[in-house]
């Protein structure tokens, strides 16, 4: 059984969240009114045990290890609310799944667009999420999308929890994250450093690897001798750090930390350049596979992530992992949407590149 919990804000709004969803809704009043269970060959079934006709429904779903099951559970719950005549159905996904697959890679597909289409088709009328991997993902939806930001919470953590943060430098571990790092550096009035070369991740490589089939000789061509030039393979330059990190605290910022190899390599490089403390700041801590062990054995002093994704087990394996609570901004967004209030307050002092 997988119980969903409903939190009563008032008589006209219900908020559903999956039990064990990372503590984002622990302070709300609860009542079990939706039952989700596996039937047959691991099929999911939803039964809403209270009437949601004419109600504003908010479905909160955090991503678990089995991301595919997570997506199907939400789609089935949304569709059940739609067929039960809910007035509006707002999905709250602090981390949008498959957000890293928002570009065409080789002969693959843009999975983020597929997920967006499925959610709209199921009956979602509004989406609340946080720090999309690419802001352009909002264009995949034909419904309103509120992309909240975690940067104010991370900036507050830096100012309150990192001693002598004035002696720090904000670091982008690859050129692709330089804009986000620059935004942090400007708001904290700190220096900026960028790592490029071998440490940059493969996602920054724009070559998709597709090649045309062999050309067939044709008669009557306008330019028979003309050939399409082959693309020269990209070679990464030697690793380089642009900016001074010697004798300073290095704070690496990014939106997602999953496979930590690139972060560990960046930390080692910064240590070699003279940084005496290494902090990692990210919104979404997926931390899959052996990430906690690699972090514990690395030169990284602390990894700070928000609770958009549950990571209690990883924290037990690695004491270096710290959590910043962002449930307050999600609950305020829910309240404002239900009451028809402006959302601009939640985007105050937010940089364009956050």
C-alpha atoms as a PDB file:
ATOM      1  CA  UNK A   1       0.000   0.000   0.000  1.00  0.00           C
ATOM      2  CA  UNK A   2       1.048   3.569  -0.674  1.00  0.00           C
ATOM      3  CA  UNK A   3      -1.096   5.975   1.295  1.00  0.00           C
ATOM      4  CA  UNK A   4      -1.558   9.529   0.178  1.00  0.00           C
ATOM      5  CA  UNK A   5      -2.353  12.162   2.752  1.00  0.00           C
ATOM      6  CA  UNK A   6      -4.700  15.100   2.414  1.00  0.00           C
ATOM      7  CA  UNK A   7      -4.103  18.357   4.236  1.00  0.00           C
ATOM      8  CA  UNK A   8      -7.157  20.554   4.750  1.00  0.00           C
ATOM      9  CA  UNK A   9      -6.413  24.255   4.240  1.00  0.00           C
ATOM     10  CA  UNK A  10     -10.112  25.145   4.237  1.00  0.00           C
ATOM     11  CA  UNK A  11     -13.372  23.735   2.974  1.00  0.00           C
ATOM     12  CA  UNK A  12     -12.607  24.380  -0.697  1.00  0.00           C
ATOM     13  CA  UNK A  13      -9.037  23.141  -1.064  1.00  0.00           C
ATOM     14  CA  UNK A  14      -7.373  19.756  -0.599  1.00  0.00           C
ATOM     15  CA  UNK A  15      -3.645  19.130  -0.774  1.00  0.00           C
ATOM     16  CA  UNK A  16      -2.493  15.574  -1.453  1.00  0.00           C
ATOM     17  CA  UNK A  17       1.053  14.448  -0.779  1.00  0.00           C
ATOM     18  CA  UNK A  18       2.636  11.035  -0.842  1.00  0.00           C
ATOM     19  CA  UNK A  19       3.480   9.772   2.628  1.00  0.00           C
ATOM     20  CA  UNK A  20       7.204   9.774   3.253  1.00  0.00           C
ATOM     21  CA  UNK A  21       7.730  12.641   0.834  1.00  0.00           C
ATOM     22  CA  UNK A  22      10.698  14.180   2.569  1.00  0.00           C
ATOM     23  CA  UNK A  23       8.858  16.034   5.341  1.00  0.00           C
ATOM     24  CA  UNK A  24       7.651  18.899   3.147  1.00  0.00           C
ATOM     25  CA  UNK A  25       4.131  18.698   4.595  1.00  0.00           C
ATOM     26  CA  UNK A  26       4.725  17.372   8.087  1.00  0.00           C
ATOM     27  CA  UNK A  27       3.370  20.483   9.834  1.00  0.00           C
ATOM     28  CA  UNK A  28      -0.024  20.397   8.169  1.00  0.00           C
ATOM     29  CA  UNK A  29      -3.127  18.699   9.493  1.00  0.00           C
ATOM     30  CA  UNK A  30      -3.547  15.267   7.932  1.00  0.00           C
ATOM     31  CA  UNK A  31      -6.357  12.921   6.975  1.00  0.00           C
ATOM     32  CA  UNK A  32      -6.000   9.811   4.842  1.00  0.00           C
ATOM     33  CA  UNK A  33      -8.568  10.276   2.086  1.00  0.00           C
ATOM     34  CA  UNK A  34      -6.744   8.806  -0.914  1.00  0.00           C
ATOM     35  CA  UNK A  35      -5.550   5.233  -1.175  1.00  0.00           C
ATOM     36  CA  UNK A  36      -2.993   4.098  -3.704  1.00  0.00           C
ATOM     37  CA  UNK A  37      -2.058   0.445  -3.994  1.00  0.00           C
ATOM     38  CA  UNK A  38      -0.499  -2.046  -6.365  1.00  0.00           C
ATOM     39  CA  UNK A  39      -2.779  -4.538  -8.075  1.00  0.00           C
ATOM     40  CA  UNK A  40      -2.186  -7.295 -10.586  1.00  0.00           C
ATOM     41  CA  UNK A  41       1.245  -7.114 -12.242  1.00  0.00           C
ATOM     42  CA  UNK A  42       2.394  -4.152 -10.122  1.00  0.00           C
ATOM     43  CA  UNK A  43      -0.305  -1.798 -11.423  1.00  0.00           C
ATOM     44  CA  UNK A  44      -1.171   1.310  -9.426  1.00  0.00           C
ATOM     45  CA  UNK A  45      -4.762   2.037  -8.405  1.00  0.00           C
ATOM     46  CA  UNK A  46      -6.077   5.226  -6.790  1.00  0.00           C
ATOM     47  CA  UNK A  47      -9.247   5.619  -4.781  1.00  0.00           C
ATOM     48  CA  UNK A  48     -10.153   9.070  -3.456  1.00  0.00           C
ATOM     49  CA  UNK A  49     -12.204   8.567  -0.321  1.00  0.00           C
ATOM     50  CA  UNK A  50     -13.563  12.127  -0.039  1.00  0.00           C
ATOM     51  CA  UNK A  51     -15.410  14.251  -2.574  1.00  0.00           C
ATOM     52  CA  UNK A  52     -13.206  16.735  -4.428  1.00  0.00           C
ATOM     53  CA  UNK A  53     -15.969  18.019  -6.714  1.00  0.00           C
ATOM     54  CA  UNK A  54     -15.572  21.767  -7.141  1.00  0.00           C
ATOM     55  CA  UNK A  55     -12.435  21.852  -4.958  1.00  0.00           C
ATOM     56  CA  UNK A  56      -8.972  23.249  -5.602  1.00  0.00           C
ATOM     57  CA  UNK A  57      -6.648  20.250  -5.428  1.00  0.00           C
ATOM     58  CA  UNK A  58      -2.878  20.429  -4.939  1.00  0.00           C
ATOM     59  CA  UNK A  59      -0.955  17.217  -5.585  1.00  0.00           C
ATOM     60  CA  UNK A  60       2.515  17.249  -4.019  1.00  0.00           C
ATOM     61  CA  UNK A  61       4.921  14.656  -5.364  1.00  0.00           C
ATOM     62  CA  UNK A  62       8.587  14.301  -4.484  1.00  0.00           C
ATOM     63  CA  UNK A  63      10.831  12.150  -6.627  1.00  0.00           C
ATOM     64  CA  UNK A  64      11.858   8.827  -5.131  1.00  0.00           C
ATOM     65  CA  UNK A  65      14.505   6.382  -6.325  1.00  0.00           C
ATOM     66  CA  UNK A  66      12.010   4.863  -8.746  1.00  0.00           C
ATOM     67  CA  UNK A  67      11.323   7.994 -10.771  1.00  0.00           C
ATOM     68  CA  UNK A  68       9.118   6.192 -13.303  1.00  0.00           C
ATOM     69  CA  UNK A  69       6.771   4.936 -10.580  1.00  0.00           C
ATOM     70  CA  UNK A  70       6.726   8.436  -9.108  1.00  0.00           C
ATOM     71  CA  UNK A  71       5.583   9.908 -12.413  1.00  0.00           C
ATOM     72  CA  UNK A  72       2.858   7.302 -12.947  1.00  0.00           C
ATOM     73  CA  UNK A  73       1.534   7.736  -9.401  1.00  0.00           C
ATOM     74  CA  UNK A  74       1.152  11.450  -9.947  1.00  0.00           C
ATOM     75  CA  UNK A  75      -0.469  11.063 -13.358  1.00  0.00           C
ATOM     76  CA  UNK A  76      -3.003   8.572 -12.001  1.00  0.00           C
ATOM     77  CA  UNK A  77      -3.762  10.782  -8.994  1.00  0.00           C
ATOM     78  CA  UNK A  78      -4.227  13.862 -11.203  1.00  0.00           C
ATOM     79  CA  UNK A  79      -6.473  11.954 -13.598  1.00  0.00           C
ATOM     80  CA  UNK A  80      -8.534  10.609 -10.685  1.00  0.00           C
ATOM     81  CA  UNK A  81      -9.085  14.168  -9.433  1.00  0.00           C
ATOM     82  CA  UNK A  82      -9.990  15.308 -12.935  1.00  0.00           C
ATOM     83  CA  UNK A  83     -12.597  12.586 -13.407  1.00  0.00           C
ATOM     84  CA  UNK A  84     -13.937  13.445  -9.926  1.00  0.00           C
ATOM     85  CA  UNK A  85     -14.709  16.979 -11.168  1.00  0.00           C
ATOM     86  CA  UNK A  86     -12.128  18.925  -9.172  1.00  0.00           C
ATOM     87  CA  UNK A  87     -12.291  22.627 -10.005  1.00  0.00           C
ATOM     88  CA  UNK A  88      -8.524  22.952 -10.460  1.00  0.00           C
ATOM     89  CA  UNK A  89      -5.586  20.565 -10.101  1.00  0.00           C
ATOM     90  CA  UNK A  90      -2.182  22.014  -9.304  1.00  0.00           C
ATOM     91  CA  UNK A  91       0.865  19.773  -9.337  1.00  0.00           C
ATOM     92  CA  UNK A  92       3.655  20.587  -6.894  1.00  0.00           C
ATOM     93  CA  UNK A  93       6.895  18.961  -8.046  1.00  0.00           C
ATOM     94  CA  UNK A  94       9.821  20.517  -6.173  1.00  0.00           C
ATOM     95  CA  UNK A  95      12.124  18.623  -8.562  1.00  0.00           C
ATOM     96  CA  UNK A  96      10.854  18.133 -12.100  1.00  0.00           C
ATOM     97  CA  UNK A  97      11.825  14.601 -13.206  1.00  0.00           C
ATOM     98  CA  UNK A  98      13.766  14.058 -16.432  1.00  0.00           C
ATOM     99  CA  UNK A  99      14.658  17.757 -16.485  1.00  0.00           C
ATOM    100  CA  UNK A 100      18.205  16.924 -17.582  1.00  0.00           C
ATOM    101  CA  UNK A 101      16.811  15.365 -20.764  1.00  0.00           C
ATOM    102  CA  UNK A 102      15.548  18.644 -22.186  1.00  0.00           C
ATOM    103  CA  UNK A 103      17.804  18.660 -25.261  1.00  0.00           C
ATOM    104  CA  UNK A 104      18.221  16.315 -28.174  1.00  0.00           C
ATOM    105  CA  UNK A 105      21.150  13.955 -27.589  1.00  0.00           C
ATOM    106  CA  UNK A 106      22.338  11.781 -30.457  1.00  0.00           C
ATOM    107  CA  UNK A 107      19.290   9.817 -31.649  1.00  0.00           C
ATOM    108  CA  UNK A 108      17.408  10.152 -28.384  1.00  0.00           C
ATOM    109  CA  UNK A 109      14.391  12.291 -27.544  1.00  0.00           C
ATOM    110  CA  UNK A 110      13.431  15.347 -25.519  1.00  0.00           C
ATOM    111  CA  UNK A 111      11.897  13.478 -22.593  1.00  0.00           C
ATOM    112  CA  UNK A 112      11.031  16.633 -20.619  1.00  0.00           C
ATOM    113  CA  UNK A 113       8.564  17.610 -23.339  1.00  0.00           C
ATOM    114  CA  UNK A 114       6.992  14.144 -23.221  1.00  0.00           C
ATOM    115  CA  UNK A 115       6.531  14.353 -19.429  1.00  0.00           C
ATOM    116  CA  UNK A 116       5.019  17.833 -19.755  1.00  0.00           C
ATOM    117  CA  UNK A 117       2.547  16.619 -22.391  1.00  0.00           C
ATOM    118  CA  UNK A 118       1.529  13.651 -20.233  1.00  0.00           C
ATOM    119  CA  UNK A 119       0.872  15.876 -17.211  1.00  0.00           C
ATOM    120  CA  UNK A 120      -1.254  18.300 -19.222  1.00  0.00           C
ATOM    121  CA  UNK A 121      -3.172  15.430 -20.814  1.00  0.00           C
ATOM    122  CA  UNK A 122      -3.857  13.859 -17.397  1.00  0.00           C
ATOM    123  CA  UNK A 123      -5.633  17.034 -16.296  1.00  0.00           C
ATOM    124  CA  UNK A 124      -3.057  19.248 -14.595  1.00  0.00           C
ATOM    125  CA  UNK A 125      -4.122  22.907 -14.715  1.00  0.00           C
ATOM    126  CA  UNK A 126      -1.109  24.494 -12.998  1.00  0.00           C
ATOM    127  CA  UNK A 127       2.414  23.444 -12.031  1.00  0.00           C
ATOM    128  CA  UNK A 128       4.635  24.611  -9.186  1.00  0.00           C
ATOM    129  CA  UNK A 129       8.251  23.538  -9.360  1.00  0.00           C
ATOM    130  CA  UNK A 130      11.656  24.795  -8.279  1.00  0.00           C
ATOM    131  CA  UNK A 131      14.852  25.597 -10.154  1.00  0.00           C
ATOM    132  CA  UNK A 132      14.198  23.861 -13.454  1.00  0.00           C
ATOM    133  CA  UNK A 133      17.402  22.570 -14.995  1.00  0.00           C
ATOM    134  CA  UNK A 134      16.644  24.746 -18.021  1.00  0.00           C
ATOM    135  CA  UNK A 135      14.084  27.551 -17.778  1.00  0.00           C
ATOM    136  CA  UNK A 136      12.977  26.788 -21.341  1.00  0.00           C
ATOM    137  CA  UNK A 137      11.210  23.666 -20.007  1.00  0.00           C
ATOM    138  CA  UNK A 138       8.329  25.974 -19.038  1.00  0.00           C
ATOM    139  CA  UNK A 139       7.612  26.319 -22.752  1.00  0.00           C
ATOM    140  CA  UNK A 140       6.848  22.591 -22.993  1.00  0.00           C
ATOM    141  CA  UNK A 141       3.626  23.162 -21.010  1.00  0.00           C
ATOM    142  CA  UNK A 142       0.399  24.732 -22.244  1.00  0.00           C
ATOM    143  CA  UNK A 143      -0.598  25.514 -18.642  1.00  0.00           C
ATOM    144  CA  UNK A 144       0.788  28.114 -16.181  1.00  0.00           C
ATOM    145  CA  UNK A 145       4.124  27.130 -14.606  1.00  0.00           C
ATOM    146  CA  UNK A 146       5.629  28.810 -11.539  1.00  0.00           C
ATOM    147  CA  UNK A 147       9.356  28.083 -11.382  1.00  0.00           C
ATOM    148  CA  UNK A 148      10.297  29.045  -7.823  1.00  0.00           C
ATOM    149  CA  UNK A 149      13.904  29.698  -6.783  1.00  0.00           C
ATOM    150  CA  UNK A 150      15.919  28.288  -3.906  1.00  0.00           C
ATOM    151  CA  UNK A 151      18.706  30.870  -4.186  1.00  0.00           C
ATOM    152  CA  UNK A 152      17.440  33.094  -1.304  1.00  0.00           C
ATOM    153  CA  UNK A 153      17.598  30.107   1.067  1.00  0.00           C
ATOM    154  CA  UNK A 154      21.076  29.082  -0.104  1.00  0.00           C
ATOM    155  CA  UNK A 155      22.350  32.659   0.108  1.00  0.00           C
ATOM    156  CA  UNK A 156      21.000  32.925   3.640  1.00  0.00           C
ATOM    157  CA  UNK A 157      22.767  29.684   4.565  1.00  0.00           C
ATOM    158  CA  UNK A 158      26.063  31.038   3.240  1.00  0.00           C
ATOM    159  CA  UNK A 159      25.728  34.239   5.241  1.00  0.00           C
ATOM    160  CA  UNK A 160      24.651  32.574   8.486  1.00  0.00           C
ATOM    161  CA  UNK A 161      26.400  29.196   8.520  1.00  0.00           C
ATOM    162  CA  UNK A 162      29.754  29.707   6.777  1.00  0.00           C
ATOM    163  CA  UNK A 163      32.208  31.534   9.053  1.00  0.00           C
ATOM    164  CA  UNK A 164      34.280  34.192   7.323  1.00  0.00           C
ATOM    165  CA  UNK A 165      32.226  33.884   4.144  1.00  0.00           C
ATOM    166  CA  UNK A 166      33.541  37.314   3.138  1.00  0.00           C
ATOM    167  CA  UNK A 167      36.805  35.532   2.372  1.00  0.00           C
ATOM    168  CA  UNK A 168      35.036  33.181  -0.041  1.00  0.00           C
ATOM    169  CA  UNK A 169      34.907  32.965  -3.808  1.00  0.00           C
ATOM    170  CA  UNK A 170      31.970  31.600  -5.800  1.00  0.00           C
ATOM    171  CA  UNK A 171      33.048  28.882  -8.236  1.00  0.00           C
ATOM    172  CA  UNK A 172      31.406  27.521 -11.385  1.00  0.00           C
ATOM    173  CA  UNK A 173      32.623  23.975 -11.972  1.00  0.00           C
ATOM    174  CA  UNK A 174      31.997  24.353 -15.712  1.00  0.00           C
ATOM    175  CA  UNK A 175      31.305  27.253 -18.078  1.00  0.00           C
ATOM    176  CA  UNK A 176      27.678  26.127 -18.380  1.00  0.00           C
ATOM    177  CA  UNK A 177      27.032  27.057 -14.724  1.00  0.00           C
ATOM    178  CA  UNK A 178      28.927  30.362 -14.854  1.00  0.00           C
ATOM    179  CA  UNK A 179      25.782  32.517 -15.044  1.00  0.00           C
ATOM    180  CA  UNK A 180      24.337  31.000 -11.881  1.00  0.00           C
ATOM    181  CA  UNK A 181      27.668  31.408 -10.085  1.00  0.00           C
ATOM    182  CA  UNK A 182      27.925  35.019 -11.255  1.00  0.00           C
ATOM    183  CA  UNK A 183      24.458  35.761  -9.863  1.00  0.00           C
ATOM    184  CA  UNK A 184      25.480  34.377  -6.456  1.00  0.00           C
ATOM    185  CA  UNK A 185      28.768  36.291  -6.520  1.00  0.00           C
ATOM    186  CA  UNK A 186      27.105  39.611  -7.352  1.00  0.00           C
ATOM    187  CA  UNK A 187      24.480  39.304  -4.621  1.00  0.00           C
ATOM    188  CA  UNK A 188      27.064  38.317  -2.000  1.00  0.00           C
ATOM    189  CA  UNK A 189      29.631  40.821  -3.337  1.00  0.00           C
ATOM    190  CA  UNK A 190      32.228  38.081  -3.674  1.00  0.00           C
ATOM    191  CA  UNK A 191      34.745  37.103  -6.320  1.00  0.00           C
ATOM    192  CA  UNK A 192      34.053  34.631  -9.112  1.00  0.00           C
ATOM    193  CA  UNK A 193      36.105  31.721 -10.446  1.00  0.00           C
ATOM    194  CA  UNK A 194      35.351  29.345 -13.323  1.00  0.00           C
ATOM    195  CA  UNK A 195      36.797  25.884 -13.948  1.00  0.00           C
ATOM    196  CA  UNK A 196      36.991  24.751 -17.539  1.00  0.00           C
ATOM    197  CA  UNK A 197      38.752  22.002 -19.373  1.00  0.00           C
ATOM    198  CA  UNK A 198      38.736  18.340 -18.383  1.00  0.00           C
ATOM    199  CA  UNK A 199      36.562  18.927 -15.302  1.00  0.00           C
ATOM    200  CA  UNK A 200      33.537  20.156 -17.259  1.00  0.00           C
ATOM    201  CA  UNK A 201      30.741  17.640 -17.556  1.00  0.00           C
ATOM    202  CA  UNK A 202      29.685  16.031 -20.795  1.00  0.00           C
ATOM    203  CA  UNK A 203      26.361  17.884 -20.777  1.00  0.00           C
ATOM    204  CA  UNK A 204      28.123  21.045 -21.947  1.00  0.00           C
ATOM    205  CA  UNK A 205      29.210  19.201 -25.088  1.00  0.00           C
ATOM    206  CA  UNK A 206      26.818  20.328 -27.803  1.00  0.00           C
ATOM    207  CA  UNK A 207      27.985  17.761 -30.401  1.00  0.00           C
ATOM    208  CA  UNK A 208      25.160  15.236 -30.666  1.00  0.00           C
ATOM    209  CA  UNK A 209      27.189  12.576 -32.472  1.00  0.00           C
ATOM    210  CA  UNK A 210      24.857  12.044 -35.434  1.00  0.00           C
ATOM    211  CA  UNK A 211      26.374  11.511 -38.858  1.00  0.00           C
ATOM    212  CA  UNK A 212      24.800  11.563 -42.299  1.00  0.00           C
ATOM    213  CA  UNK A 213      24.677   8.316 -44.308  1.00  0.00           C
ATOM    214  CA  UNK A 214      27.182   7.866 -47.137  1.00  0.00           C
ATOM    215  CA  UNK A 215      26.421  10.146 -50.037  1.00  0.00           C
ATOM    216  CA  UNK A 216      25.165   8.638 -53.288  1.00  0.00           C
ATOM    217  CA  UNK A 217      26.644   9.914 -56.522  1.00  0.00           C
ATOM    218  CA  UNK A 218      24.022  11.679 -58.599  1.00  0.00           C
ATOM    219  CA  UNK A 219      24.106  12.955 -62.137  1.00  0.00           C
ATOM    220  CA  UNK A 220      23.112  16.448 -63.050  1.00  0.00           C
ATOM    221  CA  UNK A 221      24.119  17.951 -59.695  1.00  0.00           C
ATOM    222  CA  UNK A 222      24.643  21.682 -59.714  1.00  0.00           C
ATOM    223  CA  UNK A 223      28.005  21.364 -57.949  1.00  0.00           C
ATOM    224  CA  UNK A 224      29.125  17.740 -58.337  1.00  0.00           C
ATOM    225  CA  UNK A 225      32.478  18.414 -56.676  1.00  0.00           C
ATOM    226  CA  UNK A 226      30.999  20.039 -53.569  1.00  0.00           C
ATOM    227  CA  UNK A 227      31.207  17.994 -50.343  1.00  0.00           C
ATOM    228  CA  UNK A 228      29.849  18.716 -46.887  1.00  0.00           C
ATOM    229  CA  UNK A 229      32.807  19.233 -44.532  1.00  0.00           C
ATOM    230  CA  UNK A 230      33.089  16.812 -41.630  1.00  0.00           C
ATOM    231  CA  UNK A 231      32.742  18.133 -38.099  1.00  0.00           C
ATOM    232  CA  UNK A 232      36.059  18.218 -36.278  1.00  0.00           C
ATOM    233  CA  UNK A 233      35.812  16.350 -32.930  1.00  0.00           C
ATOM    234  CA  UNK A 234      35.984  18.632 -29.916  1.00  0.00           C
ATOM    235  CA  UNK A 235      39.042  18.213 -27.708  1.00  0.00           C
ATOM    236  CA  UNK A 236      38.902  19.484 -24.154  1.00  0.00           C
ATOM    237  CA  UNK A 237      41.749  21.817 -23.206  1.00  0.00           C
ATOM    238  CA  UNK A 238      43.875  21.215 -20.097  1.00  0.00           C
ATOM    239  CA  UNK A 239      42.045  22.018 -16.873  1.00  0.00           C
ATOM    240  CA  UNK A 240      42.239  25.693 -15.960  1.00  0.00           C
ATOM    241  CA  UNK A 241      40.875  27.814 -13.122  1.00  0.00           C
ATOM    242  CA  UNK A 242      40.027  31.377 -14.116  1.00  0.00           C
ATOM    243  CA  UNK A 243      40.085  33.435 -10.938  1.00  0.00           C
ATOM    244  CA  UNK A 244      42.045  33.510  -7.690  1.00  0.00           C
ATOM    245  CA  UNK A 245      41.100  30.908  -5.057  1.00  0.00           C
ATOM    246  CA  UNK A 246      44.375  30.821  -3.110  1.00  0.00           C
ATOM    247  CA  UNK A 247      43.869  31.057   0.661  1.00  0.00           C
ATOM    248  CA  UNK A 248      40.107  31.419   0.285  1.00  0.00           C
ATOM    249  CA  UNK A 249      36.899  29.463   0.828  1.00  0.00           C
ATOM    250  CA  UNK A 250      35.606  28.012  -2.450  1.00  0.00           C
ATOM    251  CA  UNK A 251      31.821  27.711  -2.812  1.00  0.00           C
ATOM    252  CA  UNK A 252      30.772  25.695  -5.873  1.00  0.00           C
ATOM    253  CA  UNK A 253      27.165  26.396  -6.912  1.00  0.00           C
ATOM    254  CA  UNK A 254      24.964  24.368  -9.253  1.00  0.00           C
ATOM    255  CA  UNK A 255      21.324  23.369  -9.592  1.00  0.00           C
ATOM    256  CA  UNK A 256      21.659  19.557  -9.391  1.00  0.00           C
ATOM    257  CA  UNK A 257      24.173  17.288  -7.688  1.00  0.00           C
ATOM    258  CA  UNK A 258      23.787  13.677  -8.764  1.00  0.00           C
ATOM    259  CA  UNK A 259      26.915  11.990 -10.062  1.00  0.00           C
ATOM    260  CA  UNK A 260      29.559  13.682  -7.909  1.00  0.00           C
ATOM    261  CA  UNK A 261      32.630  12.786  -9.975  1.00  0.00           C
ATOM    262  CA  UNK A 262      32.851  16.246 -11.518  1.00  0.00           C
ATOM    263  CA  UNK A 263      32.378  17.917  -8.121  1.00  0.00           C
ATOM    264  CA  UNK A 264      35.096  15.770  -6.539  1.00  0.00           C
ATOM    265  CA  UNK A 265      37.468  16.559  -9.417  1.00  0.00           C
ATOM    266  CA  UNK A 266      36.679  20.263  -9.095  1.00  0.00           C
ATOM    267  CA  UNK A 267      37.343  20.156  -5.339  1.00  0.00           C
ATOM    268  CA  UNK A 268      40.731  18.514  -5.874  1.00  0.00           C
ATOM    269  CA  UNK A 269      41.635  21.154  -8.449  1.00  0.00           C
ATOM    270  CA  UNK A 270      40.648  23.977  -6.109  1.00  0.00           C
ATOM    271  CA  UNK A 271      42.674  22.443  -3.276  1.00  0.00           C
ATOM    272  CA  UNK A 272      45.700  22.310  -5.562  1.00  0.00           C
ATOM    273  CA  UNK A 273      45.158  26.004  -6.357  1.00  0.00           C
ATOM    274  CA  UNK A 274      45.221  26.910  -2.654  1.00  0.00           C
ATOM    275  CA  UNK A 275      41.583  26.916  -1.486  1.00  0.00           C
ATOM    276  CA  UNK A 276      41.455  25.828   2.148  1.00  0.00           C
ATOM    277  CA  UNK A 277      37.734  24.932   2.354  1.00  0.00           C
ATOM    278  CA  UNK A 278      35.356  23.572  -0.272  1.00  0.00           C
ATOM    279  CA  UNK A 279      31.563  23.944  -0.082  1.00  0.00           C
ATOM    280  CA  UNK A 280      29.038  22.608  -2.612  1.00  0.00           C
ATOM    281  CA  UNK A 281      25.678  24.401  -2.870  1.00  0.00           C
ATOM    282  CA  UNK A 282      22.888  22.901  -4.988  1.00  0.00           C
ATOM    283  CA  UNK A 283      19.107  22.986  -5.059  1.00  0.00           C
ATOM    284  CA  UNK A 284      18.413  19.344  -5.877  1.00  0.00           C
ATOM    285  CA  UNK A 285      20.418  16.633  -4.112  1.00  0.00           C
ATOM    286  CA  UNK A 286      19.764  13.437  -6.056  1.00  0.00           C
ATOM    287  CA  UNK A 287      23.008  11.888  -4.739  1.00  0.00           C
ATOM    288  CA  UNK A 288      22.522   8.553  -6.432  1.00  0.00           C
ATOM    289  CA  UNK A 289      24.701   5.445  -6.354  1.00  0.00           C
ATOM    290  CA  UNK A 290      27.875   5.821  -4.236  1.00  0.00           C
ATOM    291  CA  UNK A 291      27.744   9.622  -4.097  1.00  0.00           C
ATOM    292  CA  UNK A 292      27.738   9.815  -0.256  1.00  0.00           C
ATOM    293  CA  UNK A 293      30.856   7.639  -0.017  1.00  0.00           C
ATOM    294  CA  UNK A 294      32.692   9.629  -2.681  1.00  0.00           C
ATOM    295  CA  UNK A 295      31.822  12.885  -0.909  1.00  0.00           C
ATOM    296  CA  UNK A 296      32.993  11.531   2.448  1.00  0.00           C
ATOM    297  CA  UNK A 297      36.336  10.463   0.982  1.00  0.00           C
ATOM    298  CA  UNK A 298      36.877  13.649  -1.036  1.00  0.00           C
ATOM    299  CA  UNK A 299      38.352  17.067  -0.317  1.00  0.00           C
ATOM    300  CA  UNK A 300      34.838  18.512  -0.072  1.00  0.00           C
ATOM    301  CA  UNK A 301      34.111  19.914   3.397  1.00  0.00           C
ATOM    302  CA  UNK A 302      30.331  20.285   3.116  1.00  0.00           C
ATOM    303  CA  UNK A 303      27.512  19.675   0.638  1.00  0.00           C
ATOM    304  CA  UNK A 304      24.411  21.833   1.118  1.00  0.00           C
ATOM    305  CA  UNK A 305      21.183  20.888  -0.685  1.00  0.00           C
ATOM    306  CA  UNK A 306      17.503  21.627  -0.181  1.00  0.00           C
ATOM    307  CA  UNK A 307      14.807  19.099   0.670  1.00  0.00           C
ATOM    308  CA  UNK A 308      13.206  19.091  -2.785  1.00  0.00           C
ATOM    309  CA  UNK A 309      14.282  15.426  -2.917  1.00  0.00           C
ATOM    310  CA  UNK A 310      14.326  13.141   0.163  1.00  0.00           C
ATOM    311  CA  UNK A 311      17.916  12.225   1.084  1.00  0.00           C
ATOM    312  CA  UNK A 312      17.753  11.085   4.701  1.00  0.00           C
ATOM    313  CA  UNK A 313      19.585   7.839   3.920  1.00  0.00           C
ATOM    314  CA  UNK A 314      22.420   9.695   2.197  1.00  0.00           C
ATOM    315  CA  UNK A 315      22.812  11.971   5.225  1.00  0.00           C
ATOM    316  CA  UNK A 316      23.248   8.940   7.458  1.00  0.00           C
ATOM    317  CA  UNK A 317      25.996   7.681   5.163  1.00  0.00           C
ATOM    318  CA  UNK A 318      27.757  11.048   4.899  1.00  0.00           C
ATOM    319  CA  UNK A 319      27.665  13.645   7.726  1.00  0.00           C
ATOM    320  CA  UNK A 320      29.013  16.259   5.312  1.00  0.00           C
ATOM    321  CA  UNK A 321      25.574  16.551   3.675  1.00  0.00           C
ATOM    322  CA  UNK A 322      23.429  19.371   5.108  1.00  0.00           C
ATOM    323  CA  UNK A 323      19.809  20.254   4.312  1.00  0.00           C
ATOM    324  CA  UNK A 324      18.087  23.604   3.821  1.00  0.00           C
ATOM    325  CA  UNK A 325      14.299  23.569   4.269  1.00  0.00           C
ATOM    326  CA  UNK A 326      12.322  25.211   1.452  1.00  0.00           C
ATOM    327  CA  UNK A 327       8.828  24.032   2.467  1.00  0.00           C
ATOM    328  CA  UNK A 328       7.872  27.576   3.489  1.00  0.00           C
ATOM    329  CA  UNK A 329       7.986  28.956  -0.054  1.00  0.00           C
ATOM    330  CA  UNK A 330       5.999  25.995  -1.424  1.00  0.00           C
ATOM    331  CA  UNK A 331       3.237  26.406   1.160  1.00  0.00           C
ATOM    332  CA  UNK A 332       3.107  30.158   0.492  1.00  0.00           C
ATOM    333  CA  UNK A 333       2.814  29.488  -3.241  1.00  0.00           C
ATOM    334  CA  UNK A 334      -0.091  27.101  -2.619  1.00  0.00           C
ATOM    335  CA  UNK A 335      -1.843  29.672  -0.426  1.00  0.00           C
ATOM    336  CA  UNK A 336      -1.426  32.477  -2.947  1.00  0.00           C
ATOM    337  CA  UNK A 337      -2.631  30.405  -5.906  1.00  0.00           C
ATOM    338  CA  UNK A 338      -5.723  29.229  -4.036  1.00  0.00           C
ATOM    339  CA  UNK A 339      -6.573  32.771  -2.898  1.00  0.00           C
ATOM    340  CA  UNK A 340      -5.897  34.276  -6.321  1.00  0.00           C
ATOM    341  CA  UNK A 341      -3.064  36.461  -5.029  1.00  0.00           C
ATOM    342  CA  UNK A 342      -0.047  37.660  -6.973  1.00  0.00           C
ATOM    343  CA  UNK A 343       3.025  35.406  -7.040  1.00  0.00           C
ATOM    344  CA  UNK A 344       5.448  38.287  -7.628  1.00  0.00           C
ATOM    345  CA  UNK A 345       6.267  38.485  -3.911  1.00  0.00           C
ATOM    346  CA  UNK A 346       7.967  35.079  -4.145  1.00  0.00           C
ATOM    347  CA  UNK A 347      10.257  36.344  -6.912  1.00  0.00           C
ATOM    348  CA  UNK A 348      11.542  39.459  -5.159  1.00  0.00           C
ATOM    349  CA  UNK A 349      15.298  39.989  -5.437  1.00  0.00           C
ATOM    350  CA  UNK A 350      15.589  37.016  -7.801  1.00  0.00           C
ATOM    351  CA  UNK A 351      18.241  37.404 -10.458  1.00  0.00           C
ATOM    352  CA  UNK A 352      17.560  36.607 -14.101  1.00  0.00           C
ATOM    353  CA  UNK A 353      20.273  33.927 -14.051  1.00  0.00           C
ATOM    354  CA  UNK A 354      19.184  32.237 -10.793  1.00  0.00           C
END
